Amino acid sequence: MRFPNFCETVLLFKNGAREDQAKMLFRIIDISDDTVLSKFELLKFFLKGVRDKDRKRAVSDVVNELMIMMDKDESGEVEREEFSTSIASEDEVWMLFEAINPFYPVIEKLNFLTVDGD
């Protein structure tokens, strides 16, 4: 990801609507570009850079729960529509995503920054 794209993504997650965030997340996570998300793709996204075994287990548990919650047709994969609908309209799914979203620490820090006009 190029730096301008990264900045746009961070701003989207800071200020954007959940539906727009869901669309962006899907594009980022769908590394196979087949319009469905596998558990492997979700794990790869959320575990990138995580080295701590306890954290890996915790994230894996959250991903398992997310798969159950989002995979409405129980196909073993999450289709784009299932993903977008779940992220945009189900608060519990959104809270789980926020808990393990790798962008969240950056967004949290940005929320503390203010622009001083003086």
N, C-alpha and C. Protein backbone atom coordinates (compact mmCIF):
# COMPACT_ATOMS: atom_id res chain seq x y z
N MET A 1 0.85 -1.17 0.00
CA MET A 1 0.00 0.00 0.00
C MET A 1 0.90 1.23 0.00
N ARG A 2 0.62 2.13 -0.89
CA ARG A 2 1.39 3.37 -0.96
C ARG A 2 0.94 4.32 0.14
N PHE A 3 1.82 5.24 0.52
CA PHE A 3 1.53 6.13 1.65
C PHE A 3 0.25 6.94 1.46
N PRO A 4 0.00 7.55 0.30
CA PRO A 4 -1.27 8.30 0.15
C PRO A 4 -2.50 7.40 0.35
N ASN A 5 -2.42 6.15 -0.14
CA ASN A 5 -3.53 5.22 0.06
C ASN A 5 -3.70 4.90 1.55
N PHE A 6 -2.58 4.73 2.23
CA PHE A 6 -2.61 4.47 3.67
C PHE A 6 -3.29 5.63 4.40
N CYS A 7 -2.91 6.86 4.06
CA CYS A 7 -3.51 8.04 4.70
C CYS A 7 -5.01 8.10 4.44
N GLU A 8 -5.42 7.86 3.20
CA GLU A 8 -6.85 7.84 2.89
C GLU A 8 -7.58 6.78 3.70
N THR A 9 -6.95 5.62 3.83
CA THR A 9 -7.56 4.52 4.58
C THR A 9 -7.70 4.88 6.05
N VAL A 10 -6.66 5.45 6.63
CA VAL A 10 -6.71 5.84 8.04
C VAL A 10 -7.80 6.88 8.26
N LEU A 11 -7.88 7.88 7.37
CA LEU A 11 -8.93 8.90 7.50
C LEU A 11 -10.32 8.30 7.35
N LEU A 12 -10.45 7.34 6.45
CA LEU A 12 -11.74 6.66 6.30
C LEU A 12 -12.14 5.98 7.60
N PHE A 13 -11.16 5.31 8.24
CA PHE A 13 -11.47 4.62 9.49
C PHE A 13 -11.64 5.57 10.65
N LYS A 14 -11.11 6.76 10.53
CA LYS A 14 -11.29 7.75 11.58
C LYS A 14 -12.65 8.44 11.47
N ASN A 15 -13.04 8.80 10.24
CA ASN A 15 -14.23 9.64 10.06
C ASN A 15 -15.32 9.04 9.18
N GLY A 16 -15.04 7.97 8.47
CA GLY A 16 -15.97 7.46 7.47
C GLY A 16 -17.13 6.66 8.04
N ALA A 17 -18.13 6.48 7.22
CA ALA A 17 -19.29 5.67 7.57
C ALA A 17 -18.89 4.20 7.63
N ARG A 18 -19.54 3.45 8.49
CA ARG A 18 -19.21 2.03 8.64
C ARG A 18 -19.35 1.27 7.34
N GLU A 19 -20.33 1.60 6.54
CA GLU A 19 -20.52 0.91 5.26
C GLU A 19 -19.32 1.13 4.34
N ASP A 20 -18.80 2.36 4.29
CA ASP A 20 -17.62 2.64 3.49
C ASP A 20 -16.39 1.93 4.05
N GLN A 21 -16.30 1.90 5.37
CA GLN A 21 -15.20 1.18 6.01
C GLN A 21 -15.28 -0.31 5.69
N ALA A 22 -16.48 -0.85 5.69
CA ALA A 22 -16.66 -2.28 5.39
C ALA A 22 -16.19 -2.59 3.97
N LYS A 23 -16.54 -1.72 3.03
CA LYS A 23 -16.12 -1.93 1.63
C LYS A 23 -14.59 -1.90 1.52
N MET A 24 -13.97 -0.94 2.20
CA MET A 24 -12.51 -0.84 2.17
C MET A 24 -11.87 -2.05 2.84
N LEU A 25 -12.39 -2.44 3.99
CA LEU A 25 -11.85 -3.62 4.69
C LEU A 25 -11.92 -4.85 3.80
N PHE A 26 -13.05 -5.03 3.13
CA PHE A 26 -13.20 -6.20 2.27
C PHE A 26 -12.13 -6.21 1.19
N ARG A 27 -11.93 -5.06 0.53
CA ARG A 27 -10.93 -4.99 -0.54
C ARG A 27 -9.53 -5.29 -0.01
N ILE A 28 -9.23 -4.82 1.19
CA ILE A 28 -7.91 -5.05 1.78
C ILE A 28 -7.73 -6.52 2.16
N ILE A 29 -8.75 -7.11 2.76
CA ILE A 29 -8.64 -8.47 3.28
C ILE A 29 -8.71 -9.52 2.18
N ASP A 30 -9.46 -9.27 1.13
CA ASP A 30 -9.66 -10.25 0.05
C ASP A 30 -8.42 -10.35 -0.84
N ILE A 31 -7.37 -10.97 -0.31
CA ILE A 31 -6.10 -11.05 -1.03
C ILE A 31 -6.19 -11.92 -2.28
N SER A 32 -7.12 -12.87 -2.29
CA SER A 32 -7.28 -13.72 -3.46
C SER A 32 -8.13 -13.05 -4.54
N ASP A 33 -8.76 -11.93 -4.19
CA ASP A 33 -9.58 -11.14 -5.12
C ASP A 33 -10.68 -11.99 -5.77
N ASP A 34 -11.28 -12.88 -4.95
CA ASP A 34 -12.34 -13.74 -5.47
C ASP A 34 -13.72 -13.38 -4.93
N THR A 35 -13.84 -12.24 -4.30
CA THR A 35 -15.08 -11.68 -3.74
C THR A 35 -15.67 -12.47 -2.59
N VAL A 36 -14.89 -13.36 -1.99
CA VAL A 36 -15.28 -14.02 -0.75
C VAL A 36 -14.07 -14.03 0.18
N LEU A 37 -14.36 -14.01 1.48
CA LEU A 37 -13.29 -14.06 2.46
C LEU A 37 -13.27 -15.42 3.14
N SER A 38 -12.09 -16.00 3.18
CA SER A 38 -11.91 -17.25 3.92
C SER A 38 -11.41 -16.92 5.32
N LYS A 39 -11.49 -17.89 6.19
CA LYS A 39 -10.95 -17.71 7.53
C LYS A 39 -9.45 -17.41 7.45
N PHE A 40 -8.75 -18.07 6.53
CA PHE A 40 -7.32 -17.83 6.35
C PHE A 40 -7.04 -16.37 6.01
N GLU A 41 -7.83 -15.79 5.10
CA GLU A 41 -7.61 -14.39 4.73
C GLU A 41 -7.83 -13.46 5.92
N LEU A 42 -8.87 -13.73 6.70
CA LEU A 42 -9.12 -12.92 7.89
C LEU A 42 -7.97 -13.05 8.88
N LEU A 43 -7.52 -14.27 9.12
CA LEU A 43 -6.41 -14.47 10.05
C LEU A 43 -5.15 -13.78 9.56
N LYS A 44 -4.86 -13.90 8.28
CA LYS A 44 -3.66 -13.28 7.71
C LYS A 44 -3.70 -11.77 7.91
N PHE A 45 -4.85 -11.16 7.70
CA PHE A 45 -4.99 -9.71 7.87
C PHE A 45 -4.82 -9.31 9.33
N PHE A 46 -5.53 -9.97 10.22
CA PHE A 46 -5.52 -9.55 11.62
C PHE A 46 -4.27 -9.97 12.38
N LEU A 47 -3.57 -10.99 11.92
CA LEU A 47 -2.39 -11.46 12.63
C LEU A 47 -1.08 -10.93 12.06
N LYS A 48 -1.14 -10.16 11.00
CA LYS A 48 0.08 -9.64 10.40
C LYS A 48 0.87 -8.83 11.44
N GLY A 49 2.09 -9.27 11.67
CA GLY A 49 2.96 -8.57 12.61
C GLY A 49 2.78 -8.98 14.07
N VAL A 50 1.80 -9.80 14.37
CA VAL A 50 1.56 -10.23 15.76
C VAL A 50 2.49 -11.40 16.06
N ARG A 51 3.28 -11.27 17.10
CA ARG A 51 4.23 -12.32 17.46
C ARG A 51 3.86 -13.03 18.77
N ASP A 52 3.17 -12.33 19.64
CA ASP A 52 2.81 -12.87 20.94
C ASP A 52 1.80 -14.02 20.78
N LYS A 53 2.12 -15.20 21.32
CA LYS A 53 1.26 -16.38 21.16
C LYS A 53 -0.11 -16.19 21.79
N ASP A 54 -0.17 -15.56 22.95
CA ASP A 54 -1.46 -15.33 23.61
C ASP A 54 -2.34 -14.40 22.77
N ARG A 55 -1.73 -13.36 22.23
CA ARG A 55 -2.49 -12.44 21.37
C ARG A 55 -2.96 -13.16 20.11
N LYS A 56 -2.11 -14.00 19.52
CA LYS A 56 -2.50 -14.77 18.34
C LYS A 56 -3.71 -15.65 18.64
N ARG A 57 -3.69 -16.31 19.79
CA ARG A 57 -4.82 -17.16 20.17
C ARG A 57 -6.09 -16.34 20.34
N ALA A 58 -5.96 -15.20 21.00
CA ALA A 58 -7.12 -14.34 21.24
C ALA A 58 -7.70 -13.83 19.92
N VAL A 59 -6.83 -13.39 19.01
CA VAL A 59 -7.29 -12.90 17.70
C VAL A 59 -7.93 -14.04 16.91
N SER A 60 -7.34 -15.22 16.98
CA SER A 60 -7.90 -16.38 16.29
C SER A 60 -9.30 -16.70 16.81
N ASP A 61 -9.48 -16.61 18.11
CA ASP A 61 -10.81 -16.83 18.70
C ASP A 61 -11.82 -15.81 18.20
N VAL A 62 -11.39 -14.54 18.12
CA VAL A 62 -12.28 -13.49 17.63
C VAL A 62 -12.63 -13.74 16.16
N VAL A 63 -11.65 -14.13 15.37
CA VAL A 63 -11.90 -14.42 13.94
C VAL A 63 -12.88 -15.59 13.81
N ASN A 64 -12.73 -16.62 14.62
CA ASN A 64 -13.69 -17.73 14.60
C ASN A 64 -15.10 -17.24 14.88
N GLU A 65 -15.24 -16.38 15.88
CA GLU A 65 -16.55 -15.83 16.23
C GLU A 65 -17.09 -14.97 15.09
N LEU A 66 -16.24 -14.15 14.49
CA LEU A 66 -16.66 -13.33 13.37
C LEU A 66 -17.15 -14.17 12.20
N MET A 67 -16.44 -15.25 11.91
CA MET A 67 -16.86 -16.14 10.82
C MET A 67 -18.26 -16.68 11.08
N ILE A 68 -18.51 -17.10 12.30
CA ILE A 68 -19.83 -17.63 12.66
C ILE A 68 -20.90 -16.55 12.48
N MET A 69 -20.59 -15.35 12.93
CA MET A 69 -21.57 -14.26 12.89
C MET A 69 -21.83 -13.74 11.48
N MET A 70 -20.81 -13.71 10.64
CA MET A 70 -20.96 -13.11 9.31
C MET A 70 -21.37 -14.10 8.23
N ASP A 71 -21.02 -15.36 8.38
CA ASP A 71 -21.29 -16.38 7.36
C ASP A 71 -22.75 -16.85 7.46
N LYS A 72 -23.65 -16.02 7.00
CA LYS A 72 -25.09 -16.26 7.14
C LYS A 72 -25.55 -17.53 6.43
N ASP A 73 -24.94 -17.84 5.29
CA ASP A 73 -25.36 -19.02 4.55
C ASP A 73 -24.56 -20.27 4.92
N GLU A 74 -23.68 -20.12 5.92
CA GLU A 74 -22.87 -21.23 6.45
C GLU A 74 -22.08 -21.96 5.36
N SER A 75 -21.55 -21.19 4.42
CA SER A 75 -20.76 -21.77 3.32
C SER A 75 -19.30 -22.00 3.71
N GLY A 76 -18.87 -21.44 4.82
CA GLY A 76 -17.47 -21.53 5.22
C GLY A 76 -16.65 -20.35 4.73
N GLU A 77 -17.28 -19.47 3.96
CA GLU A 77 -16.65 -18.25 3.48
C GLU A 77 -17.65 -17.11 3.65
N VAL A 78 -17.12 -15.90 3.71
CA VAL A 78 -17.98 -14.73 3.86
C VAL A 78 -17.99 -13.97 2.55
N GLU A 79 -19.17 -13.91 1.95
CA GLU A 79 -19.33 -13.18 0.69
C GLU A 79 -19.34 -11.68 0.95
N ARG A 80 -19.04 -10.92 -0.08
CA ARG A 80 -18.96 -9.46 0.05
C ARG A 80 -20.22 -8.88 0.69
N GLU A 81 -21.38 -9.32 0.24
CA GLU A 81 -22.64 -8.78 0.77
C GLU A 81 -22.82 -9.16 2.25
N GLU A 82 -22.51 -10.39 2.61
CA GLU A 82 -22.59 -10.81 4.01
C GLU A 82 -21.67 -9.94 4.87
N PHE A 83 -20.48 -9.72 4.38
CA PHE A 83 -19.49 -8.93 5.10
C PHE A 83 -19.98 -7.50 5.30
N SER A 84 -20.35 -6.86 4.20
CA SER A 84 -20.77 -5.45 4.26
C SER A 84 -21.98 -5.26 5.14
N THR A 85 -22.96 -6.13 5.01
CA THR A 85 -24.17 -6.02 5.82
C THR A 85 -23.85 -6.22 7.30
N SER A 86 -23.03 -7.21 7.61
CA SER A 86 -22.69 -7.48 9.01
C SER A 86 -21.91 -6.33 9.63
N ILE A 87 -20.92 -5.84 8.93
CA ILE A 87 -20.08 -4.75 9.46
C ILE A 87 -20.91 -3.47 9.62
N ALA A 88 -21.70 -3.15 8.61
CA ALA A 88 -22.44 -1.89 8.61
C ALA A 88 -23.60 -1.87 9.59
N SER A 89 -24.23 -3.02 9.85
CA SER A 89 -25.48 -2.97 10.61
C SER A 89 -25.48 -3.74 11.93
N GLU A 90 -24.49 -4.57 12.18
CA GLU A 90 -24.48 -5.36 13.42
C GLU A 90 -23.41 -4.83 14.36
N ASP A 91 -23.86 -4.18 15.44
CA ASP A 91 -22.94 -3.55 16.38
C ASP A 91 -21.96 -4.54 17.00
N GLU A 92 -22.40 -5.75 17.29
CA GLU A 92 -21.51 -6.73 17.90
C GLU A 92 -20.37 -7.12 16.95
N VAL A 93 -20.69 -7.28 15.68
CA VAL A 93 -19.66 -7.59 14.69
C VAL A 93 -18.69 -6.42 14.59
N TRP A 94 -19.22 -5.21 14.54
CA TRP A 94 -18.38 -4.02 14.45
C TRP A 94 -17.43 -3.92 15.66
N MET A 95 -17.93 -4.17 16.84
CA MET A 95 -17.11 -4.10 18.05
C MET A 95 -15.98 -5.12 18.02
N LEU A 96 -16.26 -6.33 17.53
CA LEU A 96 -15.21 -7.33 17.42
C LEU A 96 -14.15 -6.91 16.41
N PHE A 97 -14.58 -6.34 15.29
CA PHE A 97 -13.62 -5.84 14.30
C PHE A 97 -12.76 -4.74 14.90
N GLU A 98 -13.38 -3.80 15.59
CA GLU A 98 -12.61 -2.72 16.20
C GLU A 98 -11.58 -3.25 17.18
N ALA A 99 -11.92 -4.30 17.90
CA ALA A 99 -11.03 -4.84 18.93
C ALA A 99 -9.73 -5.38 18.34
N ILE A 100 -9.77 -5.87 17.10
CA ILE A 100 -8.57 -6.47 16.52
C ILE A 100 -8.11 -5.78 15.24
N ASN A 101 -8.75 -4.70 14.85
CA ASN A 101 -8.41 -3.97 13.64
C ASN A 101 -7.01 -3.37 13.77
N PRO A 102 -6.10 -3.71 12.87
CA PRO A 102 -4.74 -3.17 12.96
C PRO A 102 -4.68 -1.65 12.76
N PHE A 103 -5.71 -1.04 12.18
CA PHE A 103 -5.74 0.41 12.02
C PHE A 103 -6.17 1.13 13.30
N TYR A 104 -6.79 0.42 14.21
CA TYR A 104 -7.39 1.06 15.38
C TYR A 104 -6.39 1.84 16.24
N PRO A 105 -5.19 1.31 16.54
CA PRO A 105 -4.25 2.11 17.35
C PRO A 105 -3.89 3.44 16.71
N VAL A 106 -3.74 3.45 15.38
CA VAL A 106 -3.43 4.70 14.68
C VAL A 106 -4.60 5.66 14.79
N ILE A 107 -5.80 5.15 14.60
CA ILE A 107 -7.00 5.98 14.67
C ILE A 107 -7.18 6.55 16.07
N GLU A 108 -6.95 5.72 17.08
CA GLU A 108 -7.06 6.17 18.46
C GLU A 108 -6.11 7.33 18.73
N LYS A 109 -4.89 7.24 18.22
CA LYS A 109 -3.92 8.32 18.41
C LYS A 109 -4.34 9.57 17.65
N LEU A 110 -4.89 9.40 16.46
CA LEU A 110 -5.34 10.56 15.69
C LEU A 110 -6.49 11.28 16.39
N ASN A 111 -7.31 10.54 17.11
CA ASN A 111 -8.43 11.16 17.82
C ASN A 111 -7.96 12.10 18.93
N PHE A 112 -6.73 11.91 19.41
CA PHE A 112 -6.21 12.77 20.46
C PHE A 112 -5.52 14.02 19.91
N LEU A 113 -5.22 14.00 18.63
CA LEU A 113 -4.57 15.17 18.03
C LEU A 113 -5.61 16.24 17.72
N THR A 114 -5.25 17.45 17.94
CA THR A 114 -6.11 18.57 17.58
C THR A 114 -5.29 19.56 16.78
N VAL A 115 -5.97 20.27 15.94
CA VAL A 115 -5.30 21.33 15.17
C VAL A 115 -5.51 22.63 15.92
N ASP A 116 -4.42 23.28 16.28
CA ASP A 116 -4.48 24.55 17.01
C ASP A 116 -4.34 25.69 16.02
N GLY A 117 -5.33 26.54 15.97
CA GLY A 117 -5.33 27.65 15.03
C GLY A 117 -4.44 28.80 15.45
N ASP A 118 -3.83 28.77 16.63
CA ASP A 118 -2.97 29.85 17.10
C ASP A 118 -1.60 29.82 16.49
